[in-house]
C-alpha atoms as a PDB file:
ATOM      1  CA  MET A   1      29.912 -33.519  67.858  1.00  0.00           C
ATOM      2  CA  GLU A   2      32.663 -35.846  68.936  1.00  0.00           C
ATOM      3  CA  LEU A   3      30.371 -38.872  68.666  1.00  0.00           C
ATOM      4  CA  ALA A   4      29.236 -37.698  65.248  1.00  0.00           C
ATOM      5  CA  ASN A   5      32.810 -37.774  63.977  1.00  0.00           C
ATOM      6  CA  LYS A   6      32.742 -41.553  63.729  1.00  0.00           C
ATOM      7  CA  ASP A   7      29.619 -41.449  61.560  1.00  0.00           C
ATOM      8  CA  LEU A   8      30.586 -38.391  59.542  1.00  0.00           C
ATOM      9  CA  PHE A   9      34.203 -39.312  58.986  1.00  0.00           C
ATOM     10  CA  TYR A  10      34.927 -42.452  57.031  1.00  0.00           C
ATOM     11  CA  GLY A  11      38.145 -43.593  58.597  1.00  0.00           C
ATOM     12  CA  LYS A  12      39.249 -46.584  60.549  1.00  0.00           C
ATOM     13  CA  ASP A  13      37.043 -46.385  63.642  1.00  0.00           C
ATOM     14  CA  GLY A  14      36.832 -42.612  63.186  1.00  0.00           C
ATOM     15  CA  ASP A  15      40.628 -42.257  63.296  1.00  0.00           C
ATOM     16  CA  LEU A  16      42.490 -40.219  60.730  1.00  0.00           C
ATOM     17  CA  ALA A  17      43.729 -42.454  57.979  1.00  0.00           C
ATOM     18  CA  GLY A  18      46.323 -41.583  55.402  1.00  0.00           C
ATOM     19  CA  ALA A  19      49.748 -42.482  54.201  1.00  0.00           C
ATOM     20  CA  ASP A  20      51.316 -39.178  55.181  1.00  0.00           C
ATOM     21  CA  LYS A  21      50.830 -36.149  57.378  1.00  0.00           C
ATOM     22  CA  GLU A  22      49.489 -34.007  54.519  1.00  0.00           C
ATOM     23  CA  SER A  23      46.643 -36.381  53.652  1.00  0.00           C
ATOM     24  CA  GLN A  24      45.699 -36.624  57.328  1.00  0.00           C
ATOM     25  CA  GLU A  25      45.688 -32.825  57.543  1.00  0.00           C
ATOM     26  CA  VAL A  26      43.431 -32.536  54.490  1.00  0.00           C
ATOM     27  CA  SER A  27      41.089 -35.116  56.001  1.00  0.00           C
ATOM     28  CA  MET A  28      40.947 -33.197  59.271  1.00  0.00           C
ATOM     29  CA  LEU A  29      40.282 -29.900  57.486  1.00  0.00           C
ATOM     30  CA  ALA A  30      37.497 -31.526  55.447  1.00  0.00           C
ATOM     31  CA  LEU A  31      35.911 -32.871  58.637  1.00  0.00           C
ATOM     32  CA  ASP A  32      36.153 -29.427  60.241  1.00  0.00           C
ATOM     33  CA  LEU A  33      34.489 -27.840  57.199  1.00  0.00           C
ATOM     34  CA  LEU A  34      31.707 -30.433  57.255  1.00  0.00           C
ATOM     35  CA  GLN A  35      31.082 -29.841  60.965  1.00  0.00           C
ATOM     36  CA  SER A  36      31.009 -26.061  60.475  1.00  0.00           C
ATOM     37  CA  ALA A  37      28.524 -26.352  57.616  1.00  0.00           C
ATOM     38  CA  LEU A  38      26.320 -28.688  59.662  1.00  0.00           C
ATOM     39  CA  VAL A  39      26.321 -26.317  62.648  1.00  0.00           C
ATOM     40  CA  HIS A  40      25.510 -23.377  60.351  1.00  0.00           C
ATOM     41  CA  VAL A  41      22.525 -25.131  58.773  1.00  0.00           C
ATOM     42  CA  ASN A  42      21.356 -26.340  62.202  1.00  0.00           C
ATOM     43  CA  THR A  43      21.575 -22.768  63.522  1.00  0.00           C
ATOM     44  CA  LEU A  44      19.359 -21.570  60.672  1.00  0.00           C
ATOM     45  CA  LEU A  45      16.870 -24.359  61.403  1.00  0.00           C
ATOM     46  CA  VAL A  46      16.749 -23.468  65.112  1.00  0.00           C
ATOM     47  CA  GLN A  47      16.259 -19.801  64.224  1.00  0.00           C
ATOM     48  CA  GLN A  48      13.280 -20.740  62.045  1.00  0.00           C
ATOM     49  CA  VAL A  49      11.682 -22.511  64.993  1.00  0.00           C
ATOM     50  CA  LEU A  50      12.395 -19.596  67.333  1.00  0.00           C
ATOM     51  CA  ALA A  51      10.842 -17.143  64.867  1.00  0.00           C
ATOM     52  CA  ASP A  52       7.511 -18.974  65.119  1.00  0.00           C
ATOM     53  CA  PRO A  53       5.361 -17.076  67.672  1.00  0.00           C
ATOM     54  CA  LYS A  54       3.899 -20.353  68.968  1.00  0.00           C
ATOM     55  CA  TRP A  55       7.349 -21.560  70.031  1.00  0.00           C
ATOM     56  CA  ALA A  56       8.410 -18.137  71.286  1.00  0.00           C
ATOM     57  CA  ASP A  57       5.524 -18.242  73.771  1.00  0.00           C
ATOM     58  CA  THR A  58       6.076 -21.904  74.694  1.00  0.00           C
ATOM     59  CA  LEU A  59       9.833 -21.978  75.371  1.00  0.00           C
ATOM     60  CA  THR A  60      11.078 -20.886  78.767  1.00  0.00           C
ATOM     61  CA  ASP A  61      14.415 -19.162  79.386  1.00  0.00           C
ATOM     62  CA  ALA A  62      15.827 -22.524  80.495  1.00  0.00           C
ATOM     63  CA  ASP A  63      14.628 -24.093  77.228  1.00  0.00           C
ATOM     64  CA  ARG A  64      16.331 -21.361  75.212  1.00  0.00           C
ATOM     65  CA  ARG A  65      19.580 -21.776  77.153  1.00  0.00           C
ATOM     66  CA  ALA A  66      19.509 -25.505  76.402  1.00  0.00           C
ATOM     67  CA  LEU A  67      19.207 -25.030  72.641  1.00  0.00           C
ATOM     68  CA  SER A  68      22.283 -26.029  70.693  1.00  0.00           C
ATOM     69  CA  PRO A  69      23.093 -26.369  66.987  1.00  0.00           C
ATOM     70  CA  LEU A  70      25.269 -29.400  67.790  1.00  0.00           C
ATOM     71  CA  PHE A  71      22.741 -32.044  66.772  1.00  0.00           C
ATOM     72  CA  TRP A  72      23.143 -34.431  63.895  1.00  0.00           C
ATOM     73  CA  THR A  73      20.472 -37.109  64.260  1.00  0.00           C
ATOM     74  CA  HIS A  74      18.768 -35.768  61.122  1.00  0.00           C
ATOM     75  CA  VAL A  75      21.878 -36.531  59.029  1.00  0.00           C
ATOM     76  CA  ASN A  76      21.817 -39.656  56.865  1.00  0.00           C
ATOM     77  CA  PRO A  77      25.463 -40.338  55.974  1.00  0.00           C
ATOM     78  CA  TYR A  78      24.704 -43.616  54.222  1.00  0.00           C
ATOM     79  CA  GLY A  79      21.981 -42.587  51.783  1.00  0.00           C
ATOM     80  CA  ARG A  80      21.984 -41.227  48.270  1.00  0.00           C
ATOM     81  CA  PHE A  81      21.808 -37.478  47.943  1.00  0.00           C
ATOM     82  CA  GLU A  82      20.635 -35.587  44.893  1.00  0.00           C
ATOM     83  CA  LEU A  83      22.473 -32.284  44.650  1.00  0.00           C
ATOM     84  CA  ASP A  84      20.939 -29.559  42.511  1.00  0.00           C
ATOM     85  CA  MET A  85      23.441 -26.712  42.258  1.00  0.00           C
ATOM     86  CA  ASN A  86      20.818 -24.561  40.504  1.00  0.00           C
ATOM     87  CA  ARG A  87      18.528 -24.523  43.536  1.00  0.00           C
ATOM     88  CA  ARG A  88      19.105 -23.068  46.990  1.00  0.00           C
ATOM     89  CA  LEU A  89      18.088 -24.616  50.281  1.00  0.00           C
ATOM     90  CA  ASP A  90      14.755 -23.264  51.440  1.00  0.00           C
ATOM     91  CA  LEU A  91      16.102 -21.541  54.542  1.00  0.00           C
ATOM     92  CA  ASP A  92      14.291 -18.377  55.546  1.00  0.00           C
ATOM     93  CA  LEU A  93      17.177 -16.053  56.350  1.00  0.00           C
ATOM     94  CA  THR A  94      14.788 -13.358  57.559  1.00  0.00           C
ATOM     95  CA  ALA A  95      13.930 -15.551  60.567  1.00  0.00           C
ATOM     96  CA  ARG A  96      17.122 -14.495  62.341  1.00  0.00           C
ATOM     97  CA  ASP A  97      15.740 -10.963  62.697  1.00  0.00           C
ATOM     98  CA  ALA A  98      12.847 -12.310  64.784  1.00  0.00           C
ATOM     99  CA  VAL A  99      15.052 -14.252  67.188  1.00  0.00           C
ATOM    100  CA  PRO A 100      15.528 -12.546  70.560  1.00  0.00           C
ATOM    101  CA  ARG A 101      19.003 -11.108  71.083  1.00  0.00           C
ATOM    102  CA  PRO A 102      21.219 -12.113  74.017  1.00  0.00           C
ATOM    103  CA  ARG A 103      20.642 -10.163  77.181  1.00  0.00           C
ATOM    104  CA  ALA A 104      23.417  -8.048  78.642  1.00  0.00           C
ATOM    105  CA  PRO A 105      24.052  -7.369  82.339  1.00  0.00           C
ATOM    106  CA  GLU A 106      22.443  -4.213  83.703  1.00  0.00           C
ATOM    107  CA  GLY A 107      24.049  -1.075  82.337  1.00  0.00           C
ATOM    108  CA  ARG A 108      26.166  -2.864  79.720  1.00  0.00           C
ATOM    109  CA  PRO A 109      25.409  -3.113  75.997  1.00  0.00           C
ATOM    110  CA  ALA A 110      24.816  -6.550  74.477  1.00  0.00           C
ATOM    111  CA  VAL A 111      27.679  -7.845  72.371  1.00  0.00           C
ATOM    112  CA  LEU A 112      26.369  -8.890  68.962  1.00  0.00           C
ATOM    113  CA  GLY A 113      28.442 -11.102  66.709  1.00  0.00           C
END
């Protein structure tokens, strides 16, 4: 995500800009919120893919370990975005129930978050 900061954060070369410490802090908190939201949406997208039986049979354990919600190549920070606050994103939240849970070592229960 560090490389994404320069594209997601409009500052001087990705550096925090601001006249005082408070404005820099607000900028940093806004960037943190944006990154968290992006990772959350990416996690939901990955879960949708994993819920598809075709992918569940195709992906190996190594493939699953390599999955990460820290991608941002699908983000277009320079375009125009139409925001409709009366409509939700079409994210199937039931897909997370179909995603395999983490495995625990023998004899120990899996820790679910």
